[in-house]
N, C-alpha and C. Protein backbone atom coordinates (compact mmCIF):
# COMPACT_ATOMS: atom_id res chain seq x y z
N MET A 1 -4.13 -56.64 -52.70
CA MET A 1 -3.59 -55.27 -53.10
C MET A 1 -4.01 -53.83 -52.50
N ARG A 2 -5.64 -54.08 -51.98
CA ARG A 2 -6.25 -53.08 -51.23
C ARG A 2 -5.61 -52.59 -50.30
N THR A 3 -5.50 -53.59 -49.62
CA THR A 3 -4.64 -53.38 -48.02
C THR A 3 -3.00 -52.59 -47.72
N ARG A 4 -2.63 -52.75 -48.86
CA ARG A 4 -1.23 -52.63 -49.22
C ARG A 4 -1.44 -50.57 -49.58
N PHE A 5 -2.49 -50.33 -50.28
CA PHE A 5 -3.45 -49.23 -50.88
C PHE A 5 -3.10 -48.70 -49.76
N GLY A 6 -4.33 -49.23 -49.42
CA GLY A 6 -4.63 -48.37 -47.55
C GLY A 6 -3.82 -48.27 -46.87
N ARG A 7 -3.09 -48.63 -46.57
CA ARG A 7 -2.16 -48.76 -45.06
C ARG A 7 -1.01 -47.44 -46.23
N ILE A 8 -0.29 -47.55 -47.06
CA ILE A 8 0.45 -45.69 -47.64
C ILE A 8 -0.81 -45.37 -47.51
N LEU A 9 -1.81 -45.38 -47.53
CA LEU A 9 -2.45 -43.68 -48.00
C LEU A 9 -2.60 -43.59 -46.10
N LEU A 10 -2.97 -44.86 -45.80
CA LEU A 10 -2.64 -44.04 -43.93
C LEU A 10 -1.22 -43.13 -43.79
N LEU A 11 -0.44 -44.18 -44.37
CA LEU A 11 0.88 -43.52 -43.59
C LEU A 11 1.15 -41.76 -44.54
N LEU A 12 0.66 -42.00 -45.11
CA LEU A 12 1.02 -40.32 -45.62
C LEU A 12 -0.36 -39.54 -45.15
N SER A 13 -1.30 -39.89 -45.36
CA SER A 13 -2.09 -39.09 -44.43
C SER A 13 -1.99 -38.33 -43.00
N VAL A 14 -1.42 -39.30 -42.41
CA VAL A 14 -1.06 -38.90 -40.71
C VAL A 14 -0.73 -38.05 -40.73
N PRO A 15 0.67 -37.62 -41.05
CA PRO A 15 1.63 -35.81 -41.22
C PRO A 15 0.72 -34.84 -41.53
N LEU A 16 -0.34 -34.91 -42.30
CA LEU A 16 -1.47 -34.32 -42.71
C LEU A 16 -1.71 -33.62 -42.10
N LEU A 17 -2.32 -34.81 -41.54
CA LEU A 17 -3.54 -34.54 -40.38
C LEU A 17 -3.12 -33.95 -39.27
N ALA A 18 -1.27 -34.17 -38.82
CA ALA A 18 -1.13 -33.85 -37.99
C ALA A 18 -0.48 -32.41 -37.65
N LEU A 19 -0.34 -31.77 -38.88
CA LEU A 19 0.19 -30.61 -39.48
C LEU A 19 -1.05 -29.18 -38.89
N PRO A 20 -2.03 -28.96 -38.55
CA PRO A 20 -2.53 -27.66 -37.82
C PRO A 20 -2.21 -27.85 -36.36
N LEU A 21 -1.94 -29.20 -36.04
CA LEU A 21 -1.64 -29.13 -34.18
C LEU A 21 0.06 -28.48 -34.49
N TRP A 22 1.09 -28.91 -34.83
CA TRP A 22 2.58 -28.44 -35.12
C TRP A 22 1.94 -26.70 -35.46
N ALA A 23 1.65 -26.47 -36.61
CA ALA A 23 1.50 -25.39 -36.90
C ALA A 23 0.93 -24.33 -35.86
N GLY A 24 -0.02 -24.73 -35.03
CA GLY A 24 -1.30 -24.14 -34.02
C GLY A 24 0.17 -23.48 -32.89
N GLN A 25 1.39 -24.26 -32.55
CA GLN A 25 2.32 -23.79 -31.52
C GLN A 25 2.95 -22.55 -31.80
N SER A 26 2.60 -22.32 -32.81
CA SER A 26 3.44 -21.18 -32.99
C SER A 26 2.11 -20.15 -33.33
N GLY A 27 0.83 -20.43 -33.21
CA GLY A 27 0.11 -19.08 -33.08
C GLY A 27 -0.01 -18.19 -31.55
N PRO A 28 -0.81 -17.20 -31.24
CA PRO A 28 -1.11 -16.63 -30.12
C PRO A 28 -1.92 -18.02 -28.58
N GLN A 29 -1.36 -17.37 -27.73
CA GLN A 29 -1.08 -18.36 -26.75
C GLN A 29 -1.43 -17.48 -25.08
N VAL A 30 -1.98 -18.00 -24.55
CA VAL A 30 -2.15 -17.16 -23.15
C VAL A 30 -0.78 -17.93 -22.14
N PHE A 31 -0.39 -16.91 -21.57
CA PHE A 31 0.65 -17.50 -20.40
C PHE A 31 0.47 -16.96 -19.45
N THR A 32 0.11 -18.07 -18.43
CA THR A 32 0.20 -17.00 -17.09
C THR A 32 1.76 -17.23 -16.27
N GLY A 33 1.59 -16.27 -14.86
CA GLY A 33 2.84 -16.04 -14.46
C GLY A 33 3.23 -14.68 -13.69
N GLU A 34 3.88 -13.86 -12.59
CA GLU A 34 3.99 -13.43 -12.72
C GLU A 34 5.59 -12.65 -13.09
N VAL A 35 4.60 -11.42 -13.49
CA VAL A 35 6.16 -10.14 -13.85
C VAL A 35 6.93 -10.13 -13.00
N MET A 36 8.49 -10.50 -12.97
CA MET A 36 9.10 -10.85 -12.20
C MET A 36 10.78 -10.20 -12.97
N ASP A 37 11.97 -9.76 -12.13
CA ASP A 37 13.26 -9.75 -12.83
C ASP A 37 13.44 -10.92 -12.81
N SER A 38 14.49 -10.55 -13.97
CA SER A 38 15.44 -11.56 -14.55
C SER A 38 16.72 -12.43 -13.27
N LEU A 39 17.18 -11.50 -12.55
CA LEU A 39 17.79 -11.98 -10.77
C LEU A 39 17.29 -12.67 -10.15
N CYS A 40 15.86 -12.37 -9.56
CA CYS A 40 15.14 -13.10 -9.05
C CYS A 40 13.87 -14.08 -9.43
N ALA A 41 14.23 -14.58 -10.95
CA ALA A 41 13.48 -15.37 -11.23
C ALA A 41 14.63 -16.63 -11.11
N LYS A 42 15.34 -16.41 -11.02
CA LYS A 42 16.91 -17.90 -11.53
C LYS A 42 15.89 -18.75 -9.98
N ASN A 43 15.33 -17.88 -8.98
CA ASN A 43 15.73 -18.51 -7.71
C ASN A 43 14.16 -18.81 -7.75
N GLY A 44 13.29 -18.09 -8.53
CA GLY A 44 11.69 -18.52 -8.62
C GLY A 44 10.80 -17.70 -7.14
N SER A 45 12.07 -16.67 -6.75
CA SER A 45 11.18 -16.24 -5.69
C SER A 45 11.92 -14.57 -5.27
N HIS A 46 11.06 -13.83 -4.53
CA HIS A 46 12.32 -12.58 -4.38
C HIS A 46 12.85 -12.88 -2.58
N ASP A 47 12.67 -13.72 -2.40
CA ASP A 47 12.66 -13.87 -0.92
C ASP A 47 13.94 -13.40 -0.40
N GLU A 48 14.46 -14.49 -1.66
CA GLU A 48 16.64 -14.66 -0.83
C GLU A 48 17.18 -13.03 -1.05
N MET A 49 16.71 -12.39 -2.37
CA MET A 49 17.36 -11.00 -2.53
C MET A 49 16.28 -9.84 -1.23
N MET A 50 15.70 -10.31 -0.90
CA MET A 50 15.20 -9.06 -0.17
C MET A 50 15.88 -9.62 1.18
N ASP A 51 16.26 -10.80 1.75
CA ASP A 51 16.93 -10.98 3.07
C ASP A 51 18.37 -10.12 3.16
N GLU A 52 19.00 -10.85 1.65
CA GLU A 52 19.98 -10.68 2.13
C GLU A 52 20.37 -8.86 1.59
N MET A 53 19.60 -8.34 1.02
CA MET A 53 19.72 -7.03 1.07
C MET A 53 18.64 -6.10 1.64
N LYS A 54 18.38 -5.46 1.91
CA LYS A 54 17.13 -4.69 2.76
C LYS A 54 16.48 -3.53 1.92
N SER A 55 17.69 -3.32 1.25
CA SER A 55 17.51 -1.96 0.31
C SER A 55 16.62 -2.49 -0.71
N MET A 56 16.47 -3.33 -1.29
CA MET A 56 15.14 -4.11 -2.25
C MET A 56 13.75 -4.20 -1.63
N GLY A 57 13.56 -3.72 -0.37
CA GLY A 57 12.50 -3.40 -0.43
C GLY A 57 11.76 -4.49 0.64
N ARG A 58 10.26 -4.67 0.61
CA ARG A 58 9.76 -5.55 1.15
C ARG A 58 8.79 -6.05 0.28
N ASP A 59 8.14 -5.92 -0.76
CA ASP A 59 7.64 -6.05 -1.18
C ASP A 59 7.74 -6.58 -2.74
N LYS A 60 7.48 -7.22 -3.46
CA LYS A 60 7.87 -8.20 -5.10
C LYS A 60 7.92 -6.96 -5.59
N ALA A 61 6.97 -5.78 -5.91
CA ALA A 61 7.28 -5.05 -7.05
C ALA A 61 7.66 -3.83 -7.02
N THR A 62 8.26 -3.88 -5.08
CA THR A 62 10.47 -2.87 -4.82
C THR A 62 11.00 -3.33 -5.81
N CYS A 63 11.11 -4.84 -4.63
CA CYS A 63 12.34 -5.88 -5.20
C CYS A 63 12.92 -5.85 -6.68
N SER A 64 11.57 -6.26 -8.05
CA SER A 64 11.68 -6.25 -9.37
C SER A 64 12.64 -4.67 -9.59
N GLN A 65 11.82 -3.60 -9.04
CA GLN A 65 11.81 -2.50 -9.40
C GLN A 65 13.82 -2.04 -9.37
N LYS A 66 13.56 -2.39 -8.02
CA LYS A 66 15.61 -2.12 -7.71
C LYS A 66 16.61 -3.45 -8.36
N CYS A 67 15.79 -4.00 -8.71
CA CYS A 67 16.99 -5.41 -9.54
C CYS A 67 17.45 -4.84 -10.85
N ILE A 68 15.52 -4.07 -11.42
CA ILE A 68 15.81 -3.68 -12.89
C ILE A 68 16.92 -2.41 -12.89
N GLN A 69 16.89 -1.96 -11.54
CA GLN A 69 17.95 -0.58 -11.68
C GLN A 69 19.53 -1.13 -12.04
N LEU A 70 19.26 -2.84 -11.13
CA LEU A 70 20.64 -3.56 -10.90
C LEU A 70 21.11 -4.11 -12.44
N GLY A 71 20.34 -3.93 -13.18
CA GLY A 71 20.81 -4.85 -14.35
C GLY A 71 20.17 -5.75 -14.72
N GLY A 72 19.08 -6.40 -14.31
CA GLY A 72 18.08 -7.20 -14.55
C GLY A 72 17.25 -6.70 -15.70
N LYS A 73 16.26 -7.95 -16.02
CA LYS A 73 15.17 -7.31 -17.38
C LYS A 73 14.02 -8.10 -16.64
N TYR A 74 12.99 -7.26 -17.09
CA TYR A 74 11.23 -7.67 -16.66
C TYR A 74 11.69 -9.49 -17.51
N VAL A 75 10.95 -10.33 -16.82
CA VAL A 75 10.63 -11.88 -17.39
C VAL A 75 8.90 -11.95 -17.05
N LEU A 76 8.47 -12.82 -17.61
CA LEU A 76 7.16 -13.97 -17.16
C LEU A 76 7.74 -15.07 -16.41
N TYR A 77 7.54 -15.47 -14.96
CA TYR A 77 8.15 -16.40 -14.23
C TYR A 77 6.64 -17.33 -13.91
N ASP A 78 6.63 -18.59 -14.24
CA ASP A 78 5.67 -19.33 -14.39
C ASP A 78 5.83 -20.23 -13.55
N ALA A 79 5.46 -19.77 -11.66
CA ALA A 79 5.84 -20.90 -10.85
C ALA A 79 5.56 -22.52 -11.46
N ALA A 80 4.45 -22.43 -11.69
CA ALA A 80 3.24 -23.72 -11.83
C ALA A 80 4.36 -24.66 -12.71
N LYS A 81 4.86 -24.38 -13.70
CA LYS A 81 5.52 -24.77 -14.73
C LYS A 81 7.23 -24.60 -14.59
N LYS A 82 7.61 -23.51 -13.17
CA LYS A 82 9.33 -23.17 -13.09
C LYS A 82 9.96 -23.05 -14.16
N THR A 83 9.21 -22.00 -15.16
CA THR A 83 10.00 -21.62 -16.39
C THR A 83 10.13 -20.15 -16.49
N VAL A 84 10.60 -19.54 -17.09
CA VAL A 84 11.13 -17.98 -17.26
C VAL A 84 11.15 -17.74 -18.63
N TYR A 85 10.35 -16.99 -19.00
CA TYR A 85 10.32 -16.56 -20.30
C TYR A 85 10.48 -14.98 -20.14
N ASP A 86 11.40 -15.24 -21.71
CA ASP A 86 11.93 -13.75 -21.61
C ASP A 86 10.85 -13.17 -22.50
N LEU A 87 10.36 -11.63 -22.34
CA LEU A 87 9.63 -10.67 -23.07
C LEU A 87 10.18 -9.87 -24.13
N ASP A 88 9.83 -9.72 -25.26
CA ASP A 88 10.00 -8.78 -26.56
C ASP A 88 9.86 -7.15 -26.03
N ASP A 89 8.85 -6.82 -24.85
CA ASP A 89 9.18 -5.71 -25.16
C ASP A 89 8.63 -4.90 -22.85
N PRO A 90 9.55 -5.29 -22.65
CA PRO A 90 9.75 -5.18 -20.53
C PRO A 90 8.61 -3.43 -20.66
N ASP A 91 8.54 -2.89 -21.64
CA ASP A 91 7.85 -1.59 -21.13
C ASP A 91 6.90 -1.54 -20.81
N LYS A 92 5.86 -2.97 -21.88
CA LYS A 92 4.50 -3.43 -21.92
C LYS A 92 4.25 -4.03 -20.32
N VAL A 93 5.08 -4.23 -19.55
CA VAL A 93 4.76 -5.12 -18.52
C VAL A 93 5.56 -4.82 -16.82
N GLU A 94 5.80 -3.16 -17.23
CA GLU A 94 6.71 -2.55 -16.11
C GLU A 94 5.67 -2.49 -14.91
N ALA A 95 4.57 -2.18 -15.58
CA ALA A 95 3.22 -1.79 -14.85
C ALA A 95 2.95 -2.36 -13.72
N PHE A 96 3.08 -3.86 -14.24
CA PHE A 96 2.40 -4.96 -13.66
C PHE A 96 3.82 -5.69 -12.61
N ALA A 97 4.66 -4.89 -12.58
CA ALA A 97 6.47 -5.68 -11.64
C ALA A 97 5.76 -6.36 -9.80
N GLY A 98 5.78 -7.31 -10.15
CA GLY A 98 5.65 -8.28 -9.00
C GLY A 98 3.71 -9.01 -8.49
N ARG A 99 3.50 -8.59 -10.00
CA ARG A 99 1.43 -9.27 -9.86
C ARG A 99 1.84 -10.14 -10.86
N LYS A 100 0.96 -11.45 -10.62
CA LYS A 100 0.26 -12.12 -11.35
C LYS A 100 -0.17 -11.90 -12.97
N VAL A 101 -0.09 -11.93 -13.96
CA VAL A 101 -0.53 -11.40 -15.32
C VAL A 101 -0.93 -13.01 -15.84
N ARG A 102 -1.64 -12.25 -16.80
CA ARG A 102 -2.39 -13.22 -18.44
C ARG A 102 -1.67 -11.99 -19.71
N VAL A 103 -0.96 -12.95 -19.90
CA VAL A 103 0.18 -12.27 -21.04
C VAL A 103 -0.39 -13.07 -22.59
N SER A 104 -0.80 -12.53 -23.49
CA SER A 104 -1.04 -13.37 -24.45
C SER A 104 -0.47 -12.60 -25.84
N GLY A 105 0.07 -14.23 -26.73
CA GLY A 105 1.17 -13.61 -27.54
C GLY A 105 1.80 -14.53 -27.99
N THR A 106 2.90 -14.51 -29.12
CA THR A 106 3.69 -16.46 -29.60
C THR A 106 4.69 -16.73 -28.80
N LEU A 107 4.89 -17.24 -28.89
CA LEU A 107 6.54 -18.15 -28.14
C LEU A 107 7.28 -17.83 -29.40
N GLU A 108 8.42 -17.17 -29.01
CA GLU A 108 9.15 -17.49 -29.82
C GLU A 108 10.77 -18.03 -29.88
N LYS A 109 11.12 -19.24 -29.79
CA LYS A 109 12.40 -19.41 -29.36
C LYS A 109 12.55 -18.95 -27.20
N HIS A 110 11.45 -19.39 -26.51
CA HIS A 110 11.49 -19.22 -25.24
C HIS A 110 11.28 -17.76 -25.06
N LYS A 111 10.89 -16.48 -26.12
CA LYS A 111 10.45 -15.55 -25.84
C LYS A 111 9.46 -15.01 -26.38
N ILE A 112 8.42 -14.54 -25.34
CA ILE A 112 7.34 -13.87 -25.83
C ILE A 112 7.36 -12.60 -26.34
N ARG A 113 6.60 -12.98 -27.68
CA ARG A 113 6.05 -11.49 -27.73
C ARG A 113 4.69 -11.25 -27.84
N ILE A 114 4.76 -9.94 -27.32
CA ILE A 114 3.51 -9.70 -26.53
C ILE A 114 2.76 -8.92 -27.14
N SER A 115 1.31 -9.50 -26.91
CA SER A 115 0.18 -9.34 -27.57
C SER A 115 -0.56 -8.11 -26.37
N THR A 116 -1.22 -8.80 -25.76
CA THR A 116 -1.77 -7.87 -24.60
C THR A 116 -1.18 -8.88 -23.38
N VAL A 117 -1.82 -7.66 -22.17
CA VAL A 117 -1.23 -8.16 -20.63
C VAL A 117 -2.18 -7.76 -19.96
N GLN A 118 -2.69 -8.49 -19.08
CA GLN A 118 -4.01 -8.47 -17.95
C GLN A 118 -3.64 -8.78 -16.81
N ALA A 119 -3.89 -7.63 -15.86
CA ALA A 119 -3.71 -8.43 -14.27
C ALA A 119 -4.66 -9.95 -14.02
N ALA A 120 -4.21 -10.58 -13.55
CA ALA A 120 -4.70 -12.07 -13.05
C ALA A 120 -4.60 -11.95 -11.66
N ASP A 121 -4.42 -11.08 -11.03
CA ASP A 121 -5.01 -11.20 -9.54
C ASP A 121 -6.34 -10.67 -9.09
């Protein structure tokens, strides 16, 4: 009888122990990557855009700014994970266009709700 009770208790306690791990995923996190425009982020680089259209400039910041004027939006591109994150407030990252940053915030459906942004380069 004790063994059966012990197994039941163990099965019931595992989800309770894992709950803080699941809940922690929605808390503040730090994301690293490049502030990039959504048009170039699809390719993971500004190179193709700058090669095709000389008016985009020859540096990442100018290319991003020009792509924003064409209708793109600022995103965070994590090259290591090959992941593009939407940002809830593009004004907070505009000054970091084309630069590597650390963004602190919460992830909600692949969009980062930004708390802070710091240059990482």
